[in-house]
N, C-alpha and C. Protein backbone atom coordinates (compact mmCIF):
# COMPACT_ATOMS: atom_id res chain seq x y z
N MET A 1 3.54 7.34 16.93
CA MET A 1 2.61 8.20 16.77
C MET A 1 1.94 9.12 17.20
N HIS A 2 1.57 9.63 16.44
CA HIS A 2 1.35 11.46 17.00
C HIS A 2 -0.19 11.56 16.60
N ASP A 3 -0.41 12.09 18.01
CA ASP A 3 -2.36 12.92 17.86
C ASP A 3 -2.47 13.46 16.42
N GLY A 4 -1.94 14.09 16.26
CA GLY A 4 -2.30 15.27 15.06
C GLY A 4 -1.56 14.98 13.52
N PRO A 5 -2.56 14.17 12.50
CA PRO A 5 -1.27 14.43 11.56
C PRO A 5 -1.28 15.70 10.46
N GLU A 6 -0.71 15.26 9.74
CA GLU A 6 0.06 16.59 8.93
C GLU A 6 -0.31 16.72 7.83
N ILE A 7 -1.37 16.93 7.30
CA ILE A 7 -2.25 16.57 5.85
C ILE A 7 -2.35 17.80 4.58
N GLY A 8 -2.04 17.23 3.63
CA GLY A 8 -1.87 18.44 2.75
C GLY A 8 -3.42 18.38 1.88
N ASP A 9 -4.29 17.75 1.94
CA ASP A 9 -5.57 18.19 1.91
C ASP A 9 -6.78 17.39 2.43
N ALA A 10 -6.74 18.17 3.99
CA ALA A 10 -8.20 17.83 4.73
C ALA A 10 -9.09 17.37 5.04
N ASP A 11 -9.80 17.88 3.71
CA ASP A 11 -11.24 17.17 3.27
C ASP A 11 -11.18 15.54 2.96
N ALA A 12 -10.45 15.76 1.71
CA ALA A 12 -9.82 14.21 1.47
C ALA A 12 -9.60 13.49 2.21
N ALA A 13 -8.44 13.26 3.03
CA ALA A 13 -8.06 12.97 4.41
C ALA A 13 -9.35 12.19 4.61
N ALA A 14 -10.39 13.41 5.53
CA ALA A 14 -11.70 12.81 5.49
C ALA A 14 -12.59 12.37 5.39
N ALA A 15 -12.46 12.11 3.64
CA ALA A 15 -12.90 11.28 3.68
C ALA A 15 -12.63 10.25 3.00
N ILE A 16 -11.46 9.65 2.54
CA ILE A 16 -10.41 8.53 3.69
C ILE A 16 -11.05 7.90 4.65
N LEU A 17 -10.55 8.64 5.64
CA LEU A 17 -11.07 8.06 7.07
C LEU A 17 -12.75 7.40 6.85
N ALA A 18 -13.42 8.51 6.22
CA ALA A 18 -14.90 7.87 6.67
C ALA A 18 -15.14 6.14 5.90
N HIS A 19 -14.40 6.53 4.58
CA HIS A 19 -14.50 4.81 3.29
C HIS A 19 -13.43 4.10 4.29
N ILE A 20 -12.33 3.99 5.02
CA ILE A 20 -12.17 2.91 5.39
C ILE A 20 -13.08 2.16 6.69
N ARG A 21 -13.56 3.30 7.70
CA ARG A 21 -14.50 3.10 8.30
C ARG A 21 -15.39 2.73 8.16
N LYS A 22 -16.55 2.81 6.64
CA LYS A 22 -17.15 2.31 6.42
C LYS A 22 -17.15 1.12 5.38
N HIS A 23 -15.98 0.83 5.38
CA HIS A 23 -15.48 -0.60 3.86
C HIS A 23 -14.37 -1.46 5.00
N VAL A 24 -13.95 -0.92 5.68
CA VAL A 24 -12.84 -1.57 6.21
C VAL A 24 -13.24 -2.07 7.83
N GLY A 25 -13.73 -1.19 8.83
CA GLY A 25 -13.67 -1.20 9.69
C GLY A 25 -12.50 -0.04 11.36
N PRO A 26 -13.13 0.01 12.55
CA PRO A 26 -12.09 0.79 12.99
C PRO A 26 -10.96 1.41 12.64
N VAL A 27 -10.51 2.59 12.61
CA VAL A 27 -9.00 3.19 12.23
C VAL A 27 -8.50 2.60 14.03
N ASP A 28 -7.54 2.19 14.44
CA ASP A 28 -6.97 2.16 15.55
C ASP A 28 -5.74 2.76 15.89
N SER A 29 -5.35 2.69 14.84
CA SER A 29 -4.18 4.31 15.27
C SER A 29 -3.45 4.56 13.47
N VAL A 30 -2.93 5.59 13.97
CA VAL A 30 -2.67 6.19 12.51
C VAL A 30 -1.38 6.91 12.89
N PHE A 31 0.00 5.96 11.80
CA PHE A 31 1.54 6.03 11.76
C PHE A 31 1.75 7.39 11.03
N HIS A 32 2.31 8.45 11.36
CA HIS A 32 2.15 10.13 11.20
C HIS A 32 3.53 9.60 10.18
N GLU A 33 4.14 10.52 9.18
CA GLU A 33 4.95 11.24 8.61
C GLU A 33 5.73 11.90 9.96
N LEU A 34 6.72 11.56 10.39
CA LEU A 34 7.65 12.36 11.39
C LEU A 34 8.61 13.28 10.19
N GLU A 35 9.07 13.17 9.40
CA GLU A 35 10.25 13.64 8.29
C GLU A 35 9.43 13.90 7.13
N SER A 36 8.78 14.46 7.10
CA SER A 36 7.96 14.84 5.81
C SER A 36 9.18 15.77 4.49
N PRO A 37 10.19 15.80 3.75
CA PRO A 37 10.74 16.55 3.00
C PRO A 37 9.79 16.78 1.51
N GLY A 38 8.48 17.54 2.19
CA GLY A 38 7.97 17.54 0.72
C GLY A 38 6.48 17.35 0.68
N MET A 39 5.92 16.86 1.27
CA MET A 39 5.13 16.05 1.44
C MET A 39 5.14 14.95 2.53
N ALA A 40 3.84 14.46 3.76
CA ALA A 40 3.77 13.62 4.45
C ALA A 40 2.25 12.71 3.92
N VAL A 41 3.48 11.20 4.20
CA VAL A 41 2.29 10.23 3.74
C VAL A 41 2.24 9.52 4.75
N ASP A 42 1.07 9.40 5.96
CA ASP A 42 0.46 8.74 6.72
C ASP A 42 0.24 7.11 6.66
N ILE A 43 -0.61 6.66 6.98
CA ILE A 43 -0.95 5.25 7.24
C ILE A 43 -2.31 5.08 8.37
N HIS A 44 -3.27 4.64 7.74
CA HIS A 44 -3.92 4.58 8.78
C HIS A 44 -3.70 2.83 8.53
N HIS A 45 -4.24 2.61 10.41
CA HIS A 45 -4.22 0.99 10.44
C HIS A 45 -5.56 0.16 10.93
N VAL A 46 -5.94 -0.22 10.45
CA VAL A 46 -7.44 -0.97 10.88
C VAL A 46 -7.03 -2.68 11.76
N PRO A 47 -7.01 -2.84 13.28
CA PRO A 47 -6.93 -3.95 13.21
C PRO A 47 -7.19 -5.79 12.93
N PRO A 48 -7.09 -6.59 13.27
CA PRO A 48 -7.65 -7.86 12.62
C PRO A 48 -9.61 -7.30 13.74
N ALA A 49 -10.37 -8.46 13.51
CA ALA A 49 -11.79 -8.23 13.74
C ALA A 49 -12.38 -9.59 13.42
N LYS A 50 -13.55 -9.56 14.41
CA LYS A 50 -14.55 -10.82 13.39
C LYS A 50 -14.44 -11.25 12.09
N GLY A 51 -13.73 -11.97 11.47
CA GLY A 51 -14.82 -11.65 9.74
C GLY A 51 -13.40 -11.29 8.85
N ARG A 52 -12.49 -10.42 9.93
CA ARG A 52 -11.79 -9.96 9.24
C ARG A 52 -10.12 -10.61 9.79
N LYS A 53 -9.34 -11.42 9.82
CA LYS A 53 -8.83 -11.61 10.08
C LYS A 53 -7.28 -11.12 9.48
N ARG A 54 -7.12 -9.98 9.92
CA ARG A 54 -5.78 -9.74 9.13
C ARG A 54 -5.40 -8.37 9.45
N HIS A 55 -4.17 -7.17 9.63
CA HIS A 55 -4.04 -6.05 9.87
C HIS A 55 -3.96 -5.28 7.97
N THR A 56 -4.82 -3.92 8.01
CA THR A 56 -4.93 -3.49 7.34
C THR A 56 -4.60 -1.89 7.00
N LEU A 57 -3.83 -2.14 6.52
CA LEU A 57 -3.02 -0.62 6.29
C LEU A 57 -3.32 -0.04 5.22
N VAL A 58 -3.90 1.60 5.47
CA VAL A 58 -4.45 2.75 4.21
C VAL A 58 -3.11 4.20 4.36
N THR A 59 -2.56 4.45 2.84
CA THR A 59 -2.44 5.33 3.49
C THR A 59 -3.50 6.89 2.86
N THR A 60 -2.83 7.97 3.31
CA THR A 60 -3.41 8.83 3.02
C THR A 60 -2.08 10.49 3.04
N GLY A 61 -2.17 11.12 1.55
CA GLY A 61 -0.98 11.83 1.66
C GLY A 61 -0.54 11.90 0.08
N LEU A 62 -0.41 10.74 -0.13
CA LEU A 62 -0.23 9.97 -1.92
C LEU A 62 -1.12 10.74 -2.42
N SER A 63 -2.51 11.49 -2.40
CA SER A 63 -3.40 11.56 -3.24
C SER A 63 -3.55 13.06 -3.46
N ASP A 64 -2.16 13.64 -1.82
CA ASP A 64 -2.99 14.74 -1.83
C ASP A 64 -2.74 15.73 -3.56
N ARG A 65 -1.94 15.31 -3.91
CA ARG A 65 -1.28 15.69 -5.39
C ARG A 65 -1.99 14.90 -6.63
N HIS A 66 -1.81 14.98 -7.65
CA HIS A 66 -2.30 14.24 -8.83
C HIS A 66 -1.21 14.30 -9.34
N MET A 67 -1.07 12.86 -10.12
CA MET A 67 -0.07 11.74 -10.27
C MET A 67 0.63 12.45 -11.56
N PRO A 68 1.77 12.53 -11.98
CA PRO A 68 2.83 12.98 -12.63
C PRO A 68 1.49 13.14 -14.39
N GLU A 69 1.86 13.74 -14.87
CA GLU A 69 1.86 13.28 -17.03
C GLU A 69 1.59 12.00 -16.72
N GLY A 70 0.54 11.24 -17.25
CA GLY A 70 0.95 10.56 -18.32
C GLY A 70 0.39 8.73 -17.37
N ALA A 71 -0.12 9.63 -15.78
CA ALA A 71 -0.70 8.03 -16.05
C ALA A 71 -2.13 7.85 -16.06
N GLY A 72 -2.48 6.25 -15.49
CA GLY A 72 -4.21 6.37 -16.55
C GLY A 72 -4.93 6.86 -15.18
N VAL A 73 -4.60 7.11 -14.13
CA VAL A 73 -5.59 7.68 -12.83
C VAL A 73 -5.38 8.66 -12.04
N GLY A 74 -5.71 10.08 -11.93
CA GLY A 74 -5.11 10.70 -11.44
C GLY A 74 -5.07 11.09 -9.58
N PHE A 75 -5.59 10.40 -8.98
CA PHE A 75 -5.23 10.14 -7.94
C PHE A 75 -5.02 9.02 -7.01
N GLY A 76 -4.15 8.35 -5.90
CA GLY A 76 -4.65 7.20 -5.43
C GLY A 76 -3.98 7.30 -4.22
N GLU A 77 -4.14 6.09 -3.56
CA GLU A 77 -3.42 5.46 -2.14
C GLU A 77 -3.19 4.06 -2.37
N LEU A 78 -2.49 3.92 -1.26
CA LEU A 78 -2.45 2.77 -1.13
C LEU A 78 -2.67 1.70 -0.49
N VAL A 79 -2.92 0.10 -0.51
CA VAL A 79 -3.36 -0.80 0.48
C VAL A 79 -1.72 -2.00 0.80
N MET A 80 -2.38 -2.32 2.12
CA MET A 80 -1.26 -3.68 2.57
C MET A 80 -2.65 -4.04 3.48
N CYS A 81 -2.45 -5.64 3.47
CA CYS A 81 -2.61 -5.82 4.36
C CYS A 81 -0.82 -7.20 4.82
N LEU A 82 -1.18 -6.95 6.53
CA LEU A 82 -0.74 -8.44 7.29
C LEU A 82 -1.20 -9.57 7.69
N PRO A 83 -0.58 -9.95 8.23
CA PRO A 83 -1.31 -11.81 8.75
C PRO A 83 -1.71 -11.23 10.37
N PRO A 84 -2.54 -11.74 10.85
CA PRO A 84 -3.17 -11.21 11.97
C PRO A 84 -2.54 -11.42 13.11
N ASP A 85 -1.58 -12.20 13.19
CA ASP A 85 -0.58 -12.23 14.48
C ASP A 85 1.17 -11.76 14.30
N TRP A 86 0.97 -9.95 13.37
CA TRP A 86 1.49 -9.26 13.38
C TRP A 86 2.49 -8.57 13.71
N PRO A 87 3.78 -8.41 15.14
CA PRO A 87 3.49 -7.45 15.87
C PRO A 87 3.24 -6.08 16.09
N MET A 88 2.26 -5.47 15.79
CA MET A 88 2.31 -4.24 15.52
C MET A 88 2.22 -2.83 16.75
N ASP A 89 2.62 -3.49 17.92
CA ASP A 89 2.73 -2.93 19.10
C ASP A 89 4.20 -1.71 18.82
N GLU A 90 4.06 -0.93 19.07
CA GLU A 90 5.43 0.49 19.91
C GLU A 90 5.99 -0.23 19.87
N ASP A 91 6.63 -1.11 20.74
CA ASP A 91 8.08 -1.96 20.69
C ASP A 91 8.38 -2.39 20.06
N ALA A 92 7.53 -3.52 19.10
CA ALA A 92 8.00 -4.81 18.20
C ALA A 92 7.90 -3.36 16.87
N LEU A 93 7.70 -2.34 16.80
CA LEU A 93 7.67 -1.50 15.13
C LEU A 93 8.90 -0.55 15.54
N GLU A 94 9.86 -0.68 16.40
CA GLU A 94 10.69 0.15 16.70
C GLU A 94 11.81 -0.68 15.82
N GLU A 95 12.18 -2.19 15.94
CA GLU A 95 12.63 -3.08 15.54
C GLU A 95 11.98 -3.21 13.82
N ASP A 96 13.65 -3.56 12.64
CA ASP A 96 13.02 -3.41 10.89
C ASP A 96 12.76 -4.46 10.89
N ALA A 97 12.21 -5.52 11.16
CA ALA A 97 11.68 -6.99 11.27
C ALA A 97 10.14 -7.25 11.19
N ALA A 98 10.13 -6.59 12.03
CA ALA A 98 8.42 -5.78 12.25
C ALA A 98 7.53 -4.02 11.04
N ALA A 99 8.64 -3.24 11.20
CA ALA A 99 8.27 -1.87 10.55
C ALA A 99 8.05 -1.98 8.98
N TRP A 100 9.37 -2.49 8.87
CA TRP A 100 9.76 -2.31 7.43
C TRP A 100 8.32 -2.06 5.99
N PRO A 101 7.32 -3.06 6.30
CA PRO A 101 6.02 -3.10 5.67
C PRO A 101 5.40 -1.40 5.58
N LEU A 102 5.67 -0.99 7.06
CA LEU A 102 5.19 0.32 6.56
C LEU A 102 6.27 1.30 6.45
N ALA A 103 7.30 0.85 6.69
CA ALA A 103 8.46 2.09 5.78
C ALA A 103 8.42 1.79 4.39
N MET A 104 7.90 1.04 3.83
CA MET A 104 8.12 0.58 2.33
C MET A 104 6.51 1.40 2.11
N LEU A 105 5.43 1.05 2.21
CA LEU A 105 4.76 1.95 2.43
C LEU A 105 4.78 3.82 2.18
N LYS A 106 5.00 4.30 2.76
CA LYS A 106 5.79 5.43 3.18
C LYS A 106 6.70 5.92 2.01
N ALA A 107 7.42 5.34 1.62
CA ALA A 107 8.65 5.56 -0.02
C ALA A 107 7.78 5.21 -1.14
N LEU A 108 6.72 4.30 -1.62
CA LEU A 108 5.64 3.82 -2.01
C LEU A 108 5.13 5.19 -2.13
N GLY A 109 4.56 6.00 -1.18
CA GLY A 109 3.42 7.03 -1.01
C GLY A 109 4.66 7.84 -1.42
N ARG A 110 5.43 8.26 -1.26
CA ARG A 110 6.35 9.13 -2.20
C ARG A 110 7.12 9.46 -3.19
N LEU A 111 7.07 8.26 -3.57
CA LEU A 111 7.90 7.65 -5.02
C LEU A 111 7.10 8.53 -6.31
N PRO A 112 5.59 8.61 -6.41
CA PRO A 112 5.12 9.32 -7.75
C PRO A 112 5.75 10.86 -7.44
N HIS A 113 5.68 11.37 -6.52
CA HIS A 113 5.79 12.96 -6.53
C HIS A 113 7.70 12.92 -6.52
N GLU A 114 8.31 12.11 -6.12
CA GLU A 114 9.73 12.81 -5.72
C GLU A 114 10.42 11.59 -6.56
N ASN A 115 10.42 11.32 -7.93
CA ASN A 115 10.53 11.34 -8.85
C ASN A 115 10.06 10.41 -9.83
N GLY A 116 8.96 11.15 -9.91
CA GLY A 116 8.31 11.02 -11.12
C GLY A 116 7.42 9.67 -11.67
N VAL A 117 7.12 9.17 -10.88
CA VAL A 117 6.54 7.75 -11.50
C VAL A 117 5.03 8.01 -11.20
N SER A 118 4.64 7.87 -12.18
CA SER A 118 3.32 7.17 -12.36
C SER A 118 2.61 6.34 -12.46
N TYR A 119 1.88 5.92 -11.24
CA TYR A 119 1.43 4.79 -10.01
C TYR A 119 0.01 4.58 -11.35
N ASP A 120 -0.03 3.24 -12.03
CA ASP A 120 -1.77 2.86 -12.34
C ASP A 120 -1.70 1.38 -11.78
N PHE A 121 -2.84 0.73 -12.29
CA PHE A 121 -3.16 -0.73 -12.08
C PHE A 121 -2.15 -1.42 -13.03
N GLY A 122 -1.23 -2.76 -12.05
CA GLY A 122 -0.49 -3.73 -13.30
C GLY A 122 1.05 -2.90 -13.35
N LEU A 123 1.52 -1.82 -13.06
CA LEU A 123 3.01 -1.47 -12.63
C LEU A 123 3.68 -2.13 -11.83
N CYS A 124 4.38 -2.49 -11.80
CA CYS A 124 5.88 -3.28 -11.31
C CYS A 124 6.83 -2.03 -10.85
N VAL A 125 6.97 -2.45 -9.45
CA VAL A 125 8.29 -1.21 -9.21
C VAL A 125 9.17 -2.13 -8.23
N ASP A 126 10.60 -2.05 -8.25
CA ASP A 126 11.67 -2.91 -7.62
C ASP A 126 12.71 -2.41 -7.80
N GLY A 127 12.40 -0.96 -7.62
CA GLY A 127 13.89 -0.22 -7.36
C GLY A 127 13.83 0.74 -6.34
N GLY A 128 14.68 1.20 -5.34
CA GLY A 128 14.58 2.35 -4.41
C GLY A 128 13.26 2.13 -3.69
N LEU A 129 13.26 1.21 -3.23
CA LEU A 129 12.70 1.07 -1.58
C LEU A 129 13.60 0.09 -0.44
N PRO A 130 13.10 0.25 1.05
CA PRO A 130 13.17 -0.01 1.66
C PRO A 130 13.92 -1.94 1.53
N PHE A 131 13.51 -2.66 0.40
CA PHE A 131 14.19 -3.91 0.80
C PHE A 131 14.75 -4.09 1.08
N ASP A 132 15.95 -3.87 1.77
CA ASP A 132 17.26 -3.78 2.30
C ASP A 132 16.69 -4.80 3.97
N MET A 133 15.69 -3.50 4.49
CA MET A 133 15.17 -4.14 5.54
C MET A 133 14.73 -5.42 5.73
N ALA A 134 14.26 -6.40 4.97
CA ALA A 134 13.31 -7.29 4.88
C ALA A 134 13.82 -8.37 3.85
N ALA A 135 15.27 -8.20 3.91
CA ALA A 135 16.18 -9.39 3.00
C ALA A 135 15.78 -10.35 3.58
N ASP A 136 15.83 -11.16 4.19
CA ASP A 136 15.54 -12.22 4.96
C ASP A 136 14.18 -13.05 4.65
N THR A 137 13.22 -12.30 3.95
CA THR A 137 11.56 -12.34 3.35
C THR A 137 11.59 -12.50 1.92
N GLY A 138 13.00 -12.15 0.97
CA GLY A 138 13.12 -12.32 -0.70
C GLY A 138 12.12 -11.54 -0.95
N PHE A 139 11.55 -10.46 -0.39
CA PHE A 139 10.69 -10.17 -1.48
C PHE A 139 11.28 -9.15 -2.23
N ALA A 140 11.71 -8.48 -3.32
CA ALA A 140 12.41 -7.88 -4.34
C ALA A 140 11.66 -6.88 -5.06
N GLY A 141 10.33 -6.66 -4.94
CA GLY A 141 9.57 -5.46 -5.76
C GLY A 141 8.31 -5.59 -5.38
N VAL A 142 6.95 -5.25 -5.91
CA VAL A 142 6.18 -5.40 -6.07
C VAL A 142 5.21 -4.71 -7.20
N LEU A 143 3.81 -5.95 -7.05
CA LEU A 143 2.86 -5.38 -8.30
C LEU A 143 1.48 -4.18 -7.69
N LEU A 144 1.22 -2.90 -8.22
CA LEU A 144 -0.15 -2.77 -7.51
C LEU A 144 -0.91 -2.98 -8.87
N ALA A 145 -2.13 -3.66 -7.90
CA ALA A 145 -3.00 -4.46 -8.05
C ALA A 145 -4.53 -4.12 -7.38
N PRO A 146 -5.68 -3.61 -7.73
CA PRO A 146 -7.03 -3.81 -6.88
C PRO A 146 -7.16 -5.08 -5.96
N PRO A 147 -7.26 -3.95 -4.92
CA PRO A 147 -6.91 -4.43 -3.23
C PRO A 147 -8.26 -5.73 -3.17
N VAL A 148 -7.96 -6.67 -3.14
CA VAL A 148 -9.27 -7.84 -3.97
C VAL A 148 -9.63 -8.92 -1.95
N THR A 149 -8.54 -7.84 -1.04
CA THR A 149 -9.47 -8.69 0.17
C THR A 149 -10.36 -7.04 0.56
N LEU A 150 -10.72 -6.30 0.31
CA LEU A 150 -11.57 -5.62 0.72
C LEU A 150 -12.97 -4.95 -0.34
N PRO A 151 -13.98 -5.40 -0.18
CA PRO A 151 -14.95 -4.96 -0.99
C PRO A 151 -14.49 -3.83 -2.32
N ASP A 152 -15.37 -4.98 -3.23
CA ASP A 152 -15.40 -3.76 -4.59
C ASP A 152 -15.40 -2.01 -4.23
N ALA A 153 -16.26 -2.29 -3.50
CA ALA A 153 -17.14 -0.08 -3.25
C ALA A 153 -15.59 0.22 -2.20
N PHE A 154 -15.04 -0.07 -2.14
CA PHE A 154 -13.66 0.46 -1.22
C PHE A 154 -12.53 0.51 -2.79
N TRP A 155 -12.90 0.00 -3.57
CA TRP A 155 -11.38 0.17 -4.33
C TRP A 155 -11.26 1.58 -5.22
N CYS A 156 -12.53 2.59 -4.74
CA CYS A 156 -12.40 3.64 -5.80
C CYS A 156 -13.38 4.79 -4.68
N LEU A 157 -12.71 5.65 -4.63
CA LEU A 157 -12.96 6.97 -3.55
C LEU A 157 -13.61 8.10 -4.54
N ASP A 158 -14.59 9.13 -4.58
CA ASP A 158 -14.77 10.39 -5.48
C ASP A 158 -14.86 11.10 -4.09
N ALA A 159 -13.36 11.80 -3.04
CA ALA A 159 -14.05 12.40 -2.38
C ALA A 159 -14.45 13.94 -2.51
N GLY A 160 -14.76 14.38 -3.27
CA GLY A 160 -15.72 15.48 -3.61
C GLY A 160 -14.40 16.43 -4.41
N ASN A 161 -14.67 17.97 -4.98
CA ASN A 161 -14.70 18.94 -5.58
C ASN A 161 -12.98 18.54 -6.68
N GLY A 162 -13.71 17.22 -7.60
CA GLY A 162 -13.59 16.73 -8.71
C GLY A 162 -12.41 15.49 -8.39
N LYS A 163 -11.41 15.14 -7.45
CA LYS A 163 -10.79 14.60 -7.05
C LYS A 163 -11.38 12.96 -6.29
N VAL A 164 -10.88 11.81 -7.61
CA VAL A 164 -11.44 10.66 -7.50
C VAL A 164 -10.12 9.72 -7.08
N ILE A 165 -10.05 9.02 -6.22
CA ILE A 165 -8.85 8.83 -5.67
C ILE A 165 -9.03 7.33 -6.15
N ASP A 166 -8.47 6.62 -6.60
CA ASP A 166 -8.01 5.13 -6.80
C ASP A 166 -7.06 3.85 -5.87
N PHE A 167 -7.74 2.77 -4.94
CA PHE A 167 -6.37 2.18 -4.28
C PHE A 167 -5.76 1.23 -4.93
N PHE A 168 -4.56 1.33 -4.78
CA PHE A 168 -3.81 0.34 -5.24
C PHE A 168 -2.99 -1.11 -4.03
N GLY A 169 -3.67 -2.30 -4.50
CA GLY A 169 -3.37 -3.01 -3.62
C GLY A 169 -1.86 -3.26 -3.50
N VAL A 170 -1.24 -3.28 -2.57
CA VAL A 170 -0.11 -3.74 -2.54
C VAL A 170 0.60 -5.25 -2.92
N VAL A 171 0.91 -5.40 -3.37
CA VAL A 171 1.89 -6.86 -4.19
C VAL A 171 2.69 -7.80 -3.56
N LEU A 172 3.20 -8.25 -3.13
CA LEU A 172 5.05 -8.26 -2.88
C LEU A 172 5.26 -9.44 -3.54
N LEU A 173 6.67 -8.74 -4.04
CA LEU A 173 7.27 -9.69 -5.91
C LEU A 173 8.45 -10.69 -5.15
N TYR A 174 8.54 -11.52 -5.85
CA TYR A 174 10.12 -12.24 -5.40
C TYR A 174 10.87 -11.48 -6.80
N PRO A 175 12.46 -11.90 -7.12
CA PRO A 175 13.27 -11.50 -8.23
C PRO A 175 12.29 -12.17 -9.17
N ASP A 176 12.15 -13.29 -9.49
CA ASP A 176 11.61 -14.26 -9.99
C ASP A 176 10.42 -14.13 -11.16
N GLU A 177 9.25 -13.35 -10.06
CA GLU A 177 8.07 -12.84 -10.41
C GLU A 177 8.53 -11.79 -11.11
N VAL A 178 9.39 -10.63 -10.89
CA VAL A 178 10.02 -9.44 -11.12
C VAL A 178 10.08 -9.53 -12.91
N ALA A 179 11.10 -11.02 -12.92
CA ALA A 179 11.58 -11.10 -13.80
C ALA A 179 10.45 -11.28 -15.06
N LEU A 180 9.57 -12.94 -14.80
CA LEU A 180 8.30 -12.44 -15.51
C LEU A 180 7.85 -12.00 -16.04
N ALA A 181 7.38 -11.01 -15.14
CA ALA A 181 6.55 -9.39 -15.51
C ALA A 181 7.24 -8.51 -16.52
N ARG A 182 9.19 -8.15 -16.57
CA ARG A 182 9.58 -7.92 -17.05
C ARG A 182 9.47 -8.53 -18.73
N SER A 183 9.60 -9.97 -18.31
CA SER A 183 9.74 -10.06 -19.76
C SER A 183 8.34 -10.96 -20.51
N GLU A 184 7.50 -11.36 -19.56
CA GLU A 184 6.28 -11.81 -20.70
C GLU A 184 5.07 -10.86 -20.50
N GLY A 185 5.48 -10.01 -19.67
CA GLY A 185 3.92 -9.21 -18.98
C GLY A 185 3.12 -9.24 -17.66
N VAL A 186 2.78 -8.17 -17.44
CA VAL A 186 2.65 -8.27 -16.11
C VAL A 186 1.16 -9.13 -16.03
N VAL A 187 0.02 -9.28 -17.32
CA VAL A 187 -0.61 -10.42 -17.25
C VAL A 187 -0.45 -11.66 -16.96
N ALA A 188 0.50 -12.41 -17.76
CA ALA A 188 1.03 -13.40 -17.26
C ALA A 188 1.46 -13.71 -16.14
N LEU A 189 1.85 -12.88 -15.56
CA LEU A 189 2.58 -12.60 -14.06
C LEU A 189 1.51 -12.14 -13.42
N ALA A 190 -0.25 -11.83 -13.19
CA ALA A 190 -0.93 -12.20 -12.80
C ALA A 190 -1.88 -13.53 -13.12
N HIS A 191 -1.95 -13.95 -13.53
CA HIS A 191 -2.30 -15.00 -13.83
C HIS A 191 -1.63 -16.04 -13.08
N LYS A 192 -0.28 -15.94 -12.85
CA LYS A 192 0.26 -17.55 -11.90
C LYS A 192 -0.21 -16.63 -10.10
N LEU A 193 -0.33 -15.55 -10.28
CA LEU A 193 -0.51 -14.72 -8.28
C LEU A 193 -2.24 -15.63 -8.85
N ASP A 194 -2.67 -15.24 -9.21
CA ASP A 194 -3.65 -15.57 -9.12
C ASP A 194 -4.03 -16.82 -8.71
N ALA A 195 -3.05 -18.32 -9.60
CA ALA A 195 -3.56 -19.14 -9.47
C ALA A 195 -3.56 -19.85 -7.96
N LEU A 196 -2.10 -18.78 -7.21
CA LEU A 196 -1.99 -18.88 -5.85
C LEU A 196 -2.60 -18.32 -4.95
N LYS A 197 -3.55 -17.10 -5.28
CA LYS A 197 -4.17 -16.64 -4.15
C LYS A 197 -3.51 -15.38 -3.49
N VAL A 198 -2.54 -14.90 -4.66
CA VAL A 198 -1.04 -13.64 -4.16
C VAL A 198 -1.80 -12.93 -4.05
N THR A 199 -1.98 -11.68 -2.76
CA THR A 199 -2.77 -10.88 -2.82
C THR A 199 -1.91 -9.65 -2.13
N GLU A 200 -2.96 -8.56 -1.86
CA GLU A 200 -1.71 -8.14 -1.35
C GLU A 200 -1.64 -7.80 0.23
N LEU A 201 -2.02 -9.26 0.65
CA LEU A 201 -2.03 -9.61 2.20
C LEU A 201 -0.53 -10.14 2.12
N LEU A 202 0.24 -10.04 2.99
CA LEU A 202 2.01 -10.40 2.69
C LEU A 202 1.38 -11.79 3.89
N LYS A 203 2.20 -12.53 2.77
CA LYS A 203 2.11 -13.96 3.70
C LYS A 203 3.93 -14.31 2.95
N PRO A 204 4.59 -14.30 4.75
CA PRO A 204 6.26 -14.35 3.99
C PRO A 204 6.01 -15.93 3.88
N GLY A 205 7.11 -16.23 3.56
CA GLY A 205 7.54 -17.42 2.57
C GLY A 205 6.81 -18.18 2.13
N ARG A 206 5.77 -18.00 1.57
CA ARG A 206 4.95 -17.87 0.62
C ARG A 206 5.81 -18.56 -0.80
N LYS A 207 5.07 -19.68 -1.29
CA LYS A 207 5.74 -20.01 -2.56
C LYS A 207 6.11 -19.30 -3.98
N SER A 208 6.75 -19.26 -4.96
CA SER A 208 7.09 -17.97 -5.43
C SER A 208 5.55 -18.45 -6.90
N ALA A 209 5.46 -17.62 -7.49
CA ALA A 209 4.49 -18.46 -8.47
C ALA A 209 4.56 -18.24 -9.77
N VAL A 210 6.51 -18.51 -9.79
CA VAL A 210 7.02 -19.25 -11.09
C VAL A 210 7.38 -20.05 -11.10
């Protein structure tokens, strides 16, 4: 972690930070991109607090650029939550066992602009991500969905200057859940995930929805 982020759109970054403080809580730390080939994706961390029993991670940097053509949204950022007992101190985050969600978020944040992937709600991503760091979790993909652990007012931000930012909840998926989305569609998978209350809050060892 460092004191000064490398920001491509400082006004949008400030608007996102204010948005997080208003709807989630005080930002405890920011995990900055140490090496940013072409763009920097930073992660804002809001720790657990009374009435919010989870770590909340929100990216900035993805919305520095418009989504590739064909996307249903223009600008986006990512949200993921971790259990309250997830180790977030610097020593623990030196190890893959604790750090892989942050590495994954950074990889997801770069993917649209590095590989031309257009993000939208309902998109499944299951390739090119550091899931090998979390091999023992069994997860093999993600679904981008509304971040339902957060208030509806957080889901979309008018950052000014014509920039409207949508926030995608990153839902971890098992291989059979990814396969269901591919074979029967995301709506079929979403119904099964909803039945188990699967959200962007990571639950290691959870039951598969399939």
